[in-house]
Protein backbone atom coordinates (compact mmCIF):
# COMPACT_ATOMS: atom_id res chain seq x y z
CA MET A 1 -53.29 -69.42 -162.55
CA ARG A 2 -55.58 -70.62 -159.76
CA VAL A 3 -59.22 -71.51 -160.44
CA LEU A 4 -61.90 -71.81 -157.74
CA VAL A 5 -64.88 -74.07 -158.45
CA THR A 6 -67.73 -73.72 -155.97
CA GLY A 7 -70.27 -76.51 -155.73
CA ALA A 8 -67.72 -78.96 -157.13
CA ASN A 9 -69.84 -81.98 -156.17
CA GLY A 10 -72.96 -80.66 -157.88
CA PHE A 11 -74.11 -81.51 -161.39
CA LEU A 12 -72.50 -78.52 -163.10
CA GLY A 13 -69.47 -78.48 -160.80
CA GLN A 14 -68.62 -82.11 -161.60
CA ALA A 15 -68.94 -81.45 -165.32
CA LEU A 16 -66.74 -78.35 -165.09
CA VAL A 17 -64.01 -80.08 -163.06
CA ALA A 18 -63.99 -83.08 -165.40
CA ARG A 19 -63.67 -80.81 -168.42
CA LEU A 20 -60.90 -78.71 -166.90
CA LEU A 21 -58.90 -81.82 -166.01
CA ALA A 22 -59.52 -83.45 -169.42
CA LYS A 23 -58.30 -80.34 -171.25
CA GLY A 24 -55.05 -80.42 -169.32
CA CYS A 25 -56.16 -77.39 -167.33
CA PHE A 26 -55.61 -74.72 -169.94
CA ILE A 27 -57.82 -71.64 -170.18
CA GLU A 28 -57.03 -69.16 -172.95
CA ASN A 29 -53.40 -70.32 -173.17
CA GLN A 30 -52.84 -70.00 -169.41
CA VAL A 31 -51.91 -73.05 -167.39
CA ILE A 32 -53.99 -73.78 -164.32
CA THR A 33 -51.49 -74.59 -161.60
CA GLU A 34 -54.06 -75.08 -158.85
CA LEU A 35 -57.70 -76.11 -159.02
CA VAL A 36 -59.43 -75.23 -155.75
CA LEU A 37 -62.68 -77.12 -155.19
CA LEU A 38 -65.11 -75.74 -152.63
CA ASP A 39 -68.04 -77.79 -151.38
CA LEU A 40 -69.58 -79.13 -148.20
CA GLU A 41 -67.69 -82.43 -148.46
CA VAL A 42 -64.66 -83.88 -150.29
CA ASN A 43 -65.32 -86.12 -153.27
CA PRO A 44 -62.62 -88.85 -153.38
CA ALA A 45 -63.29 -89.34 -157.11
CA TYR A 46 -61.12 -86.28 -157.81
CA GLU A 47 -57.52 -87.37 -157.50
CA ASP A 48 -55.12 -84.97 -159.14
CA ALA A 49 -52.02 -83.19 -157.88
CA ARG A 50 -53.44 -79.84 -159.00
CA ILE A 51 -56.58 -80.17 -156.84
CA ARG A 52 -56.94 -78.66 -153.38
CA TRP A 53 -60.18 -79.13 -151.48
CA VAL A 54 -61.72 -76.50 -149.22
CA VAL A 55 -64.65 -77.84 -147.23
CA GLY A 56 -67.37 -75.42 -146.21
CA SER A 57 -69.87 -72.91 -147.47
CA ILE A 58 -69.13 -70.01 -149.82
CA ALA A 59 -71.22 -67.90 -147.41
CA ASP A 60 -68.62 -68.42 -144.65
CA GLU A 61 -66.04 -65.62 -144.68
CA VAL A 62 -63.31 -67.82 -143.12
CA VAL A 63 -63.85 -70.49 -145.80
CA ARG A 64 -63.67 -67.89 -148.57
CA ALA A 65 -60.40 -66.57 -147.18
CA GLU A 66 -58.95 -70.09 -147.10
CA ALA A 67 -59.98 -70.68 -150.71
């Protein structure tokens, strides 16, 4: 299962990412194999093999396709 978090550097985004990683990335008994974080810049505080950063705006069609 792949999860996309937009605004990953924001207040709620940081809390959500931290909680997903702390729980071992399980949602309703499904394993999250990839956590895609979308924001305007990469936050080096997130270091995990399951994380893939996409830099850009959710309003950009090319960025959405990449995510």
